Amino acid sequence: MTEQFAGKSVIITGAGKGIGRACAIELANRGASVIAMARTQEDLEELSRLTGCRSIQVDLMDNDAARNAMDDAGVCDFLINCAGTNVLQSVLNMTDDGYETVMGINLRAALVCAQAFARMRVAAGGGGAILNVTSIAGHRGFDEHVCYAASKAGLEGATRVMARELGPHGIRVNAVAPTITMTDLAAAAWLDPAKKDPMMVRHPIGRFAEVQDVAKSIVMLLSDDAPMVTGVVLPIDGGFLAN
């Protein structure tokens, strides 16, 4: 594997599972020093054994804990905001707890981590990149995803603001919006053909995404191959949004 990220460091939130874990593996394989953040210590220990990454256990729902974790990570070249969660609730049965959980992890924690990262980068002279993981749910309506959709659409709006404000400091900020991605959780949720098949036919490429598909697109946006790309939300959706 190429050492394209040799000498570079990256903070990845939500690194214990799914897309975050795939990003940690992909970037470590390409020479990056990875600082993995997650809530579950066992996930971090397994990832550390696999990649040699440094790990920080943190509950990003706690703003002070998130800021302390970012301080612990220190000045790095890249930040991937991948931590995310969902509580399936409709508009009519949305609860305060569901709202606070989804918005707290998916949006507020991402902004807190991005702010801490950007402040350190600016103090160090600028440069670097932030990558926010959003979702096609921010572009299309899905039942029982009201808080999730709001959080992801909000993060996309914040991505554009960050790109505008941080660009003069040489910091690029982009987002990716994956379709259904075959994490362990998603695979179980979409096993039922009655649910899977109507969604699958809306993907011209004929399949859902794998975590590696998303990780490789993130690597591209962080790399020197995208020096003029900022303020972009890149769908990783197999053509779903083209329909």
C-alpha atoms as a PDB file:
ATOM      1  CA  MET A   1       0.000   0.000   0.000  1.00  0.00           C
ATOM      2  CA  THR A   2       1.258   3.487  -0.874  1.00  0.00           C
ATOM      3  CA  GLU A   3       2.626   5.673   1.923  1.00  0.00           C
ATOM      4  CA  GLN A   4       0.727   8.672   0.568  1.00  0.00           C
ATOM      5  CA  PHE A   5      -0.124   9.943   4.068  1.00  0.00           C
ATOM      6  CA  ALA A   6       3.280   9.316   5.643  1.00  0.00           C
ATOM      7  CA  GLY A   7       4.053  12.033   8.177  1.00  0.00           C
ATOM      8  CA  LYS A   8       0.390  13.050   8.416  1.00  0.00           C
ATOM      9  CA  SER A   9      -1.876  12.651  11.434  1.00  0.00           C
ATOM     10  CA  VAL A  10      -5.642  12.247  11.540  1.00  0.00           C
ATOM     11  CA  ILE A  11      -8.262  12.327  14.291  1.00  0.00           C
ATOM     12  CA  ILE A  12     -11.250  10.065  13.613  1.00  0.00           C
ATOM     13  CA  THR A  13     -14.356  10.237  15.796  1.00  0.00           C
ATOM     14  CA  GLY A  14     -16.615   7.198  15.845  1.00  0.00           C
ATOM     15  CA  ALA A  15     -13.595   5.089  14.912  1.00  0.00           C
ATOM     16  CA  GLY A  16     -14.679   1.990  16.767  1.00  0.00           C
ATOM     17  CA  LYS A  17     -17.143   0.724  14.200  1.00  0.00           C
ATOM     18  CA  GLY A  18     -18.418   1.079  10.655  1.00  0.00           C
ATOM     19  CA  ILE A  19     -17.188   3.868   8.415  1.00  0.00           C
ATOM     20  CA  GLY A  20     -14.939   5.347  11.096  1.00  0.00           C
ATOM     21  CA  ARG A  21     -13.178   2.048  11.622  1.00  0.00           C
ATOM     22  CA  ALA A  22     -12.757   1.600   7.864  1.00  0.00           C
ATOM     23  CA  CYS A  23     -11.241   5.098   7.633  1.00  0.00           C
ATOM     24  CA  ALA A  24      -8.786   4.288  10.415  1.00  0.00           C
ATOM     25  CA  ILE A  25      -7.651   1.114   8.666  1.00  0.00           C
ATOM     26  CA  GLU A  26      -7.429   2.741   5.223  1.00  0.00           C
ATOM     27  CA  LEU A  27      -5.446   5.750   6.424  1.00  0.00           C
ATOM     28  CA  ALA A  28      -3.147   3.673   8.638  1.00  0.00           C
ATOM     29  CA  ASN A  29      -2.423   1.447   5.629  1.00  0.00           C
ATOM     30  CA  ARG A  30      -1.493   4.582   3.683  1.00  0.00           C
ATOM     31  CA  GLY A  31       1.012   5.719   6.292  1.00  0.00           C
ATOM     32  CA  ALA A  32      -1.013   8.121   8.467  1.00  0.00           C
ATOM     33  CA  SER A  33      -0.745   8.316  12.237  1.00  0.00           C
ATOM     34  CA  VAL A  34      -4.305   7.709  13.450  1.00  0.00           C
ATOM     35  CA  ILE A  35      -5.841   9.017  16.663  1.00  0.00           C
ATOM     36  CA  ALA A  36      -9.044   7.022  17.095  1.00  0.00           C
ATOM     37  CA  MET A  37     -11.884   8.288  19.274  1.00  0.00           C
ATOM     38  CA  ALA A  38     -14.801   6.109  20.334  1.00  0.00           C
ATOM     39  CA  ARG A  39     -17.022   5.423  23.321  1.00  0.00           C
ATOM     40  CA  THR A  40     -16.306   1.686  23.608  1.00  0.00           C
ATOM     41  CA  GLN A  41     -12.875   0.759  24.951  1.00  0.00           C
ATOM     42  CA  GLU A  42     -12.986  -2.786  23.548  1.00  0.00           C
ATOM     43  CA  ASP A  43     -13.472  -1.433  20.010  1.00  0.00           C
ATOM     44  CA  LEU A  44     -10.516   0.897  20.438  1.00  0.00           C
ATOM     45  CA  GLU A  45      -8.289  -1.872  21.762  1.00  0.00           C
ATOM     46  CA  GLU A  46      -9.102  -4.095  18.782  1.00  0.00           C
ATOM     47  CA  LEU A  47      -8.452  -1.241  16.348  1.00  0.00           C
ATOM     48  CA  SER A  48      -5.158  -0.424  18.061  1.00  0.00           C
ATOM     49  CA  ARG A  49      -4.015  -4.032  17.727  1.00  0.00           C
ATOM     50  CA  LEU A  50      -4.936  -3.976  14.061  1.00  0.00           C
ATOM     51  CA  THR A  51      -3.509  -0.603  13.040  1.00  0.00           C
ATOM     52  CA  GLY A  52      -1.202   0.585  15.811  1.00  0.00           C
ATOM     53  CA  CYS A  53      -3.380   3.675  16.233  1.00  0.00           C
ATOM     54  CA  ARG A  54      -3.494   5.803  19.336  1.00  0.00           C
ATOM     55  CA  SER A  55      -6.888   5.633  21.015  1.00  0.00           C
ATOM     56  CA  ILE A  56      -8.928   8.038  23.146  1.00  0.00           C
ATOM     57  CA  GLN A  57     -12.083   6.795  24.853  1.00  0.00           C
ATOM     58  CA  VAL A  58     -14.673   9.571  25.006  1.00  0.00           C
ATOM     59  CA  ASP A  59     -18.423  10.121  25.136  1.00  0.00           C
ATOM     60  CA  LEU A  60     -18.923  12.965  22.666  1.00  0.00           C
ATOM     61  CA  MET A  61     -22.333  13.779  24.127  1.00  0.00           C
ATOM     62  CA  ASP A  62     -20.345  15.512  26.868  1.00  0.00           C
ATOM     63  CA  ASN A  63     -19.056  18.784  25.414  1.00  0.00           C
ATOM     64  CA  ASP A  64     -16.310  19.170  27.996  1.00  0.00           C
ATOM     65  CA  ALA A  65     -15.169  15.595  27.446  1.00  0.00           C
ATOM     66  CA  ALA A  66     -15.114  16.175  23.677  1.00  0.00           C
ATOM     67  CA  ARG A  67     -12.989  19.301  24.073  1.00  0.00           C
ATOM     68  CA  ASN A  68     -10.631  17.530  26.468  1.00  0.00           C
ATOM     69  CA  ALA A  69     -10.270  14.652  24.015  1.00  0.00           C
ATOM     70  CA  MET A  70      -9.404  17.059  21.211  1.00  0.00           C
ATOM     71  CA  ASP A  71      -6.838  18.754  23.454  1.00  0.00           C
ATOM     72  CA  ASP A  72      -5.397  15.320  24.230  1.00  0.00           C
ATOM     73  CA  ALA A  73      -5.152  14.520  20.522  1.00  0.00           C
ATOM     74  CA  GLY A  74      -3.273  17.759  19.897  1.00  0.00           C
ATOM     75  CA  VAL A  75      -2.499  19.424  16.601  1.00  0.00           C
ATOM     76  CA  CYS A  76      -3.200  17.056  13.701  1.00  0.00           C
ATOM     77  CA  ASP A  77      -3.420  17.425   9.940  1.00  0.00           C
ATOM     78  CA  PHE A  78      -6.938  16.063   9.470  1.00  0.00           C
ATOM     79  CA  LEU A  79     -10.204  15.566  11.332  1.00  0.00           C
ATOM     80  CA  ILE A  80     -12.875  13.084  10.247  1.00  0.00           C
ATOM     81  CA  ASN A  81     -16.173  13.663  12.062  1.00  0.00           C
ATOM     82  CA  CYS A  82     -17.669  10.197  11.747  1.00  0.00           C
ATOM     83  CA  ALA A  83     -19.376   9.657  15.103  1.00  0.00           C
ATOM     84  CA  GLY A  84     -23.080   9.208  14.543  1.00  0.00           C
ATOM     85  CA  THR A  85     -26.222   7.653  15.914  1.00  0.00           C
ATOM     86  CA  ASN A  86     -29.931   7.391  15.167  1.00  0.00           C
ATOM     87  CA  VAL A  87     -33.140   7.021  17.127  1.00  0.00           C
ATOM     88  CA  LEU A  88     -36.005   5.940  14.892  1.00  0.00           C
ATOM     89  CA  GLN A  89     -38.875   8.306  15.645  1.00  0.00           C
ATOM     90  CA  SER A  90     -41.525   9.948  13.519  1.00  0.00           C
ATOM     91  CA  VAL A  91     -42.547  13.594  13.699  1.00  0.00           C
ATOM     92  CA  LEU A  92     -45.545  12.610  15.810  1.00  0.00           C
ATOM     93  CA  ASN A  93     -43.661  10.473  18.340  1.00  0.00           C
ATOM     94  CA  MET A  94     -40.374  12.394  18.559  1.00  0.00           C
ATOM     95  CA  THR A  95     -39.137  12.641  22.151  1.00  0.00           C
ATOM     96  CA  ASP A  96     -36.856  15.157  23.821  1.00  0.00           C
ATOM     97  CA  ASP A  97     -34.363  12.407  24.661  1.00  0.00           C
ATOM     98  CA  GLY A  98     -34.334  11.131  21.082  1.00  0.00           C
ATOM     99  CA  TYR A  99     -33.798  14.615  19.713  1.00  0.00           C
ATOM    100  CA  GLU A 100     -31.003  15.451  22.170  1.00  0.00           C
ATOM    101  CA  THR A 101     -29.197  12.159  21.533  1.00  0.00           C
ATOM    102  CA  VAL A 102     -29.226  12.397  17.745  1.00  0.00           C
ATOM    103  CA  MET A 103     -28.519  16.107  17.482  1.00  0.00           C
ATOM    104  CA  GLY A 104     -25.947  15.935  20.261  1.00  0.00           C
ATOM    105  CA  ILE A 105     -23.802  13.287  18.581  1.00  0.00           C
ATOM    106  CA  ASN A 106     -24.443  13.942  14.893  1.00  0.00           C
ATOM    107  CA  LEU A 107     -24.308  17.738  14.893  1.00  0.00           C
ATOM    108  CA  ARG A 108     -23.200  19.376  18.132  1.00  0.00           C
ATOM    109  CA  ALA A 109     -20.269  17.024  18.777  1.00  0.00           C
ATOM    110  CA  ALA A 110     -19.080  17.450  15.195  1.00  0.00           C
ATOM    111  CA  LEU A 111     -19.116  21.234  15.583  1.00  0.00           C
ATOM    112  CA  VAL A 112     -17.326  21.087  18.935  1.00  0.00           C
ATOM    113  CA  CYS A 113     -14.589  18.840  17.506  1.00  0.00           C
ATOM    114  CA  ALA A 114     -14.288  20.921  14.335  1.00  0.00           C
ATOM    115  CA  GLN A 115     -13.954  24.116  16.365  1.00  0.00           C
ATOM    116  CA  ALA A 116     -11.223  22.635  18.560  1.00  0.00           C
ATOM    117  CA  PHE A 117      -9.370  21.247  15.537  1.00  0.00           C
ATOM    118  CA  ALA A 118      -9.606  24.536  13.625  1.00  0.00           C
ATOM    119  CA  ARG A 119      -8.422  26.620  16.571  1.00  0.00           C
ATOM    120  CA  MET A 120      -5.333  24.437  16.933  1.00  0.00           C
ATOM    121  CA  ARG A 121      -4.636  24.504  13.209  1.00  0.00           C
ATOM    122  CA  VAL A 122      -4.943  28.292  13.025  1.00  0.00           C
ATOM    123  CA  ALA A 123      -2.644  28.686  16.028  1.00  0.00           C
ATOM    124  CA  ALA A 124      -0.144  26.392  14.287  1.00  0.00           C
ATOM    125  CA  GLY A 125      -0.196  28.477  11.103  1.00  0.00           C
ATOM    126  CA  GLY A 126      -3.142  26.996   9.242  1.00  0.00           C
ATOM    127  CA  GLY A 127      -3.557  24.225   6.724  1.00  0.00           C
ATOM    128  CA  GLY A 128      -5.170  20.830   7.097  1.00  0.00           C
ATOM    129  CA  ALA A 129      -8.652  19.534   6.348  1.00  0.00           C
ATOM    130  CA  ILE A 130     -11.919  18.575   8.018  1.00  0.00           C
ATOM    131  CA  LEU A 131     -14.215  15.888   6.622  1.00  0.00           C
ATOM    132  CA  ASN A 132     -17.777  15.567   7.945  1.00  0.00           C
ATOM    133  CA  VAL A 133     -19.790  12.399   7.376  1.00  0.00           C
ATOM    134  CA  THR A 134     -23.447  13.170   6.633  1.00  0.00           C
ATOM    135  CA  SER A 135     -26.071  11.100   4.801  1.00  0.00           C
ATOM    136  CA  ILE A 136     -28.471  10.992   1.875  1.00  0.00           C
ATOM    137  CA  ALA A 137     -31.111  11.286   4.604  1.00  0.00           C
ATOM    138  CA  GLY A 138     -30.275  14.978   4.591  1.00  0.00           C
ATOM    139  CA  HIS A 139     -31.455  15.111   0.945  1.00  0.00           C
ATOM    140  CA  ARG A 140     -34.424  12.736   0.812  1.00  0.00           C
ATOM    141  CA  GLY A 141     -37.193  12.014   3.289  1.00  0.00           C
ATOM    142  CA  PHE A 142     -37.148   8.665   5.081  1.00  0.00           C
ATOM    143  CA  ASP A 143     -39.796   7.586   7.559  1.00  0.00           C
ATOM    144  CA  GLU A 144     -38.842   7.877  11.241  1.00  0.00           C
ATOM    145  CA  HIS A 145     -35.671   9.827  10.425  1.00  0.00           C
ATOM    146  CA  VAL A 146     -36.815  13.324  11.369  1.00  0.00           C
ATOM    147  CA  CYS A 147     -34.038  14.055  13.885  1.00  0.00           C
ATOM    148  CA  TYR A 148     -31.419  12.174  11.892  1.00  0.00           C
ATOM    149  CA  ALA A 149     -32.276  14.073   8.701  1.00  0.00           C
ATOM    150  CA  ALA A 150     -32.206  17.389  10.547  1.00  0.00           C
ATOM    151  CA  SER A 151     -28.814  16.606  12.077  1.00  0.00           C
ATOM    152  CA  LYS A 152     -27.233  15.587   8.786  1.00  0.00           C
ATOM    153  CA  ALA A 153     -28.699  18.474   6.792  1.00  0.00           C
ATOM    154  CA  GLY A 154     -27.509  20.805   9.537  1.00  0.00           C
ATOM    155  CA  LEU A 155     -23.985  19.410   9.361  1.00  0.00           C
ATOM    156  CA  GLU A 156     -23.946  19.953   5.604  1.00  0.00           C
ATOM    157  CA  GLY A 157     -24.921  23.599   6.096  1.00  0.00           C
ATOM    158  CA  ALA A 158     -22.224  23.969   8.738  1.00  0.00           C
ATOM    159  CA  THR A 159     -19.713  22.392   6.363  1.00  0.00           C
ATOM    160  CA  ARG A 160     -20.267  25.193   3.859  1.00  0.00           C
ATOM    161  CA  VAL A 161     -19.936  27.865   6.560  1.00  0.00           C
ATOM    162  CA  MET A 162     -16.729  26.285   7.857  1.00  0.00           C
ATOM    163  CA  ALA A 163     -15.287  26.087   4.347  1.00  0.00           C
ATOM    164  CA  ARG A 164     -15.968  29.790   3.869  1.00  0.00           C
ATOM    165  CA  GLU A 165     -14.602  30.900   7.236  1.00  0.00           C
ATOM    166  CA  LEU A 166     -11.611  28.570   7.435  1.00  0.00           C
ATOM    167  CA  GLY A 167     -10.523  28.759   3.796  1.00  0.00           C
ATOM    168  CA  PRO A 168      -8.419  31.898   4.399  1.00  0.00           C
ATOM    169  CA  HIS A 169      -6.459  29.849   6.947  1.00  0.00           C
ATOM    170  CA  GLY A 170      -5.755  27.120   4.381  1.00  0.00           C
ATOM    171  CA  ILE A 171      -8.165  24.665   5.998  1.00  0.00           C
ATOM    172  CA  ARG A 172     -10.377  22.749   3.574  1.00  0.00           C
ATOM    173  CA  VAL A 173     -13.754  21.478   4.806  1.00  0.00           C
ATOM    174  CA  ASN A 174     -15.852  18.945   2.918  1.00  0.00           C
ATOM    175  CA  ALA A 175     -18.522  16.345   3.604  1.00  0.00           C
ATOM    176  CA  VAL A 176     -19.574  12.991   2.215  1.00  0.00           C
ATOM    177  CA  ALA A 177     -23.206  11.853   2.119  1.00  0.00           C
ATOM    178  CA  PRO A 178     -23.305   8.051   1.949  1.00  0.00           C
ATOM    179  CA  THR A 179     -26.293   5.972   1.017  1.00  0.00           C
ATOM    180  CA  ILE A 180     -27.161   2.897   3.085  1.00  0.00           C
ATOM    181  CA  THR A 181     -23.768   1.539   4.053  1.00  0.00           C
ATOM    182  CA  MET A 182     -23.266  -2.075   5.048  1.00  0.00           C
ATOM    183  CA  THR A 183     -22.145  -1.740   8.609  1.00  0.00           C
ATOM    184  CA  ASP A 184     -23.134  -4.641  10.858  1.00  0.00           C
ATOM    185  CA  LEU A 185     -26.082  -2.618  12.140  1.00  0.00           C
ATOM    186  CA  ALA A 186     -27.298  -1.616   8.680  1.00  0.00           C
ATOM    187  CA  ALA A 187     -26.877  -5.111   7.268  1.00  0.00           C
ATOM    188  CA  ALA A 188     -29.219  -6.498   9.917  1.00  0.00           C
ATOM    189  CA  ALA A 189     -31.723  -3.688   9.382  1.00  0.00           C
ATOM    190  CA  TRP A 190     -31.888  -4.201   5.616  1.00  0.00           C
ATOM    191  CA  LEU A 191     -31.946  -8.001   5.414  1.00  0.00           C
ATOM    192  CA  ASP A 192     -35.731  -8.119   4.862  1.00  0.00           C
ATOM    193  CA  PRO A 193     -36.291  -8.220   1.059  1.00  0.00           C
ATOM    194  CA  ALA A 194     -39.582  -6.326   1.473  1.00  0.00           C
ATOM    195  CA  LYS A 195     -37.585  -3.411   2.844  1.00  0.00           C
ATOM    196  CA  LYS A 196     -34.359  -3.874   0.905  1.00  0.00           C
ATOM    197  CA  ASP A 197     -35.602  -4.459  -2.650  1.00  0.00           C
ATOM    198  CA  PRO A 198     -37.612  -1.218  -3.163  1.00  0.00           C
ATOM    199  CA  MET A 199     -34.605   0.764  -1.933  1.00  0.00           C
ATOM    200  CA  MET A 200     -32.068  -1.216  -3.934  1.00  0.00           C
ATOM    201  CA  VAL A 201     -33.771  -0.511  -7.269  1.00  0.00           C
ATOM    202  CA  ARG A 202     -33.295   3.218  -6.660  1.00  0.00           C
ATOM    203  CA  HIS A 203     -29.510   2.708  -6.887  1.00  0.00           C
ATOM    204  CA  PRO A 204     -28.431   2.659 -10.561  1.00  0.00           C
ATOM    205  CA  ILE A 205     -25.150   0.990  -9.599  1.00  0.00           C
ATOM    206  CA  GLY A 206     -27.180  -1.941  -8.260  1.00  0.00           C
ATOM    207  CA  ARG A 207     -25.952  -2.221  -4.669  1.00  0.00           C
ATOM    208  CA  PHE A 208     -25.629  -0.459  -1.347  1.00  0.00           C
ATOM    209  CA  ALA A 209     -22.290   0.964  -0.217  1.00  0.00           C
ATOM    210  CA  GLU A 210     -19.610  -0.899   1.691  1.00  0.00           C
ATOM    211  CA  VAL A 211     -17.673   0.878   4.408  1.00  0.00           C
ATOM    212  CA  GLN A 212     -14.544   0.698   2.251  1.00  0.00           C
ATOM    213  CA  ASP A 213     -16.325   2.596  -0.547  1.00  0.00           C
ATOM    214  CA  VAL A 214     -16.944   5.501   1.805  1.00  0.00           C
ATOM    215  CA  ALA A 215     -13.486   5.374   3.376  1.00  0.00           C
ATOM    216  CA  LYS A 216     -11.734   5.536  -0.002  1.00  0.00           C
ATOM    217  CA  SER A 217     -13.793   8.551  -1.052  1.00  0.00           C
ATOM    218  CA  ILE A 218     -12.889  10.273   2.213  1.00  0.00           C
ATOM    219  CA  VAL A 219      -9.215   9.527   1.622  1.00  0.00           C
ATOM    220  CA  MET A 220      -9.493  11.125  -1.820  1.00  0.00           C
ATOM    221  CA  LEU A 221     -10.973  14.329  -0.383  1.00  0.00           C
ATOM    222  CA  LEU A 222      -8.279  14.554   2.285  1.00  0.00           C
ATOM    223  CA  SER A 223      -5.442  13.893  -0.123  1.00  0.00           C
ATOM    224  CA  ASP A 224      -3.260  16.250  -2.136  1.00  0.00           C
ATOM    225  CA  ASP A 225      -5.286  15.143  -5.183  1.00  0.00           C
ATOM    226  CA  ALA A 226      -8.112  17.493  -4.105  1.00  0.00           C
ATOM    227  CA  PRO A 227      -6.296  20.759  -3.266  1.00  0.00           C
ATOM    228  CA  MET A 228      -9.064  23.015  -4.609  1.00  0.00           C
ATOM    229  CA  VAL A 229     -12.022  21.035  -3.282  1.00  0.00           C
ATOM    230  CA  THR A 230     -13.694  22.679  -0.297  1.00  0.00           C
ATOM    231  CA  GLY A 231     -17.283  23.372   0.728  1.00  0.00           C
ATOM    232  CA  VAL A 232     -18.427  20.281  -1.180  1.00  0.00           C
ATOM    233  CA  VAL A 233     -20.927  17.613  -0.107  1.00  0.00           C
ATOM    234  CA  LEU A 234     -20.058  14.500  -2.107  1.00  0.00           C
ATOM    235  CA  PRO A 235     -22.810  11.881  -2.367  1.00  0.00           C
ATOM    236  CA  ILE A 236     -21.476   8.324  -2.136  1.00  0.00           C
ATOM    237  CA  ASP A 237     -24.740   6.826  -3.219  1.00  0.00           C
ATOM    238  CA  GLY A 238     -24.399   4.699  -6.334  1.00  0.00           C
ATOM    239  CA  GLY A 239     -26.535   7.222  -8.197  1.00  0.00           C
ATOM    240  CA  PHE A 240     -29.415   7.272  -5.694  1.00  0.00           C
ATOM    241  CA  LEU A 241     -29.769  11.053  -5.761  1.00  0.00           C
ATOM    242  CA  ALA A 242     -29.726  11.070  -9.558  1.00  0.00           C
ATOM    243  CA  ASN A 243     -33.194   9.501  -9.545  1.00  0.00           C
END
